[in-house]
């Protein structure tokens, strides 16, 4: 597991800078990430349940507890049109 994960508020995400590179090297891990994001979307929309998302910006690893409102090919959509690039997400729980 990753150490030195900084917990942030979702309102701070829009001020972060995200590199274009993929954080997960294995195809299996990327597939699992997509499945976890889809599960988070269902939990968010049906049950208003929050999930913990660990992601990497250009300053290191961050964690946010939030509701997932939508998923596109490239981004996860949170409240207030806040976006996290899918390729920068390490885990969803």
Protein backbone atom coordinates (compact mmCIF):
# COMPACT_ATOMS: atom_id res chain seq x y z
CA UNK A 1 0.00 0.00 0.00
CA UNK A 2 1.05 3.58 -0.50
CA UNK A 3 2.38 5.59 2.41
CA UNK A 4 2.23 9.37 2.87
CA UNK A 5 -1.31 9.79 1.56
CA UNK A 6 -2.65 13.27 2.29
CA UNK A 7 -6.36 13.53 3.06
CA UNK A 8 -7.98 16.50 1.33
CA UNK A 9 -11.44 17.99 0.90
CA UNK A 10 -13.12 17.59 -2.50
CA UNK A 11 -13.23 21.39 -2.83
CA UNK A 12 -9.41 21.41 -3.05
CA UNK A 13 -9.26 19.04 -6.04
CA UNK A 14 -9.94 21.74 -8.64
CA UNK A 15 -6.68 23.47 -7.59
CA UNK A 16 -4.53 20.36 -8.16
CA UNK A 17 -2.42 19.67 -11.25
CA UNK A 18 -2.59 16.18 -12.75
CA UNK A 19 0.14 14.64 -14.94
CA UNK A 20 -1.10 12.82 -18.05
CA UNK A 21 0.60 9.51 -17.21
CA UNK A 22 -1.20 6.39 -15.98
CA UNK A 23 -0.58 5.46 -12.31
CA UNK A 24 -1.51 1.78 -12.70
CA UNK A 25 0.88 -0.29 -14.79
CA UNK A 26 -1.03 -3.60 -14.97
CA UNK A 27 -4.07 -4.02 -17.23
CA UNK A 28 -5.74 -6.12 -14.51
CA UNK A 29 -5.40 -3.22 -12.03
CA UNK A 30 -6.91 -0.77 -14.54
CA UNK A 31 -9.87 -3.12 -15.14
CA UNK A 32 -10.40 -3.49 -11.38
CA UNK A 33 -10.27 0.30 -10.99
CA UNK A 34 -13.04 0.69 -13.58
CA UNK A 35 -15.18 -1.93 -11.82
CA UNK A 36 -14.65 -0.19 -8.46
CA UNK A 37 -15.57 3.17 -10.01
CA UNK A 38 -18.75 1.72 -11.46
CA UNK A 39 -19.63 0.29 -8.04
CA UNK A 40 -18.91 3.70 -6.45
CA UNK A 41 -21.17 5.38 -9.01
CA UNK A 42 -24.04 3.03 -8.13
CA UNK A 43 -23.48 3.56 -4.40
CA UNK A 44 -23.38 7.32 -4.91
CA UNK A 45 -26.46 7.61 -7.09
CA UNK A 46 -28.72 5.04 -5.44
CA UNK A 47 -27.66 5.16 -1.80
CA UNK A 48 -25.89 8.55 -1.54
CA UNK A 49 -22.97 6.62 -0.11
CA UNK A 50 -19.45 8.06 -0.05
CA UNK A 51 -16.31 6.22 -1.15
CA UNK A 52 -12.63 6.82 -0.48
CA UNK A 53 -10.65 7.59 -3.62
CA UNK A 54 -6.84 7.53 -3.55
CA UNK A 55 -5.27 9.36 -6.47
CA UNK A 56 -1.98 10.98 -7.48
CA UNK A 57 -1.46 14.58 -8.57
CA UNK A 58 1.92 16.12 -9.37
CA UNK A 59 2.53 16.63 -5.63
CA UNK A 60 1.99 13.05 -4.48
CA UNK A 61 -0.82 10.83 -3.27
CA UNK A 62 -4.10 12.26 -2.01
CA UNK A 63 -7.24 10.71 -0.53
CA UNK A 64 -10.75 12.14 -0.65
CA UNK A 65 -14.00 10.79 0.76
CA UNK A 66 -16.79 11.77 -1.57
CA UNK A 67 -19.80 10.72 -3.62
CA UNK A 68 -19.18 9.73 -7.25
CA UNK A 69 -21.76 11.43 -9.48
CA UNK A 70 -20.58 10.27 -12.88
CA UNK A 71 -17.85 8.56 -14.90
CA UNK A 72 -16.60 9.38 -18.39
CA UNK A 73 -13.83 7.69 -20.39
CA UNK A 74 -11.34 10.15 -18.95
CA UNK A 75 -12.71 11.51 -15.67
CA UNK A 76 -14.61 10.77 -12.49
CA UNK A 77 -17.20 13.47 -11.77
CA UNK A 78 -17.80 14.58 -8.20
CA UNK A 79 -20.12 17.27 -6.80
CA UNK A 80 -19.74 20.85 -8.10
CA UNK A 81 -18.37 19.55 -11.43
CA UNK A 82 -15.11 18.51 -9.76
CA UNK A 83 -13.12 16.08 -11.93
CA UNK A 84 -10.40 13.54 -11.17
CA UNK A 85 -8.67 12.01 -14.22
CA UNK A 86 -9.33 8.24 -14.25
CA UNK A 87 -5.70 7.45 -15.11
CA UNK A 88 -4.55 9.15 -11.87
CA UNK A 89 -6.78 7.07 -9.56
CA UNK A 90 -4.92 4.44 -7.57
CA UNK A 91 -7.80 2.90 -5.62
CA UNK A 92 -11.48 3.20 -4.76
CA UNK A 93 -12.92 1.79 -1.52
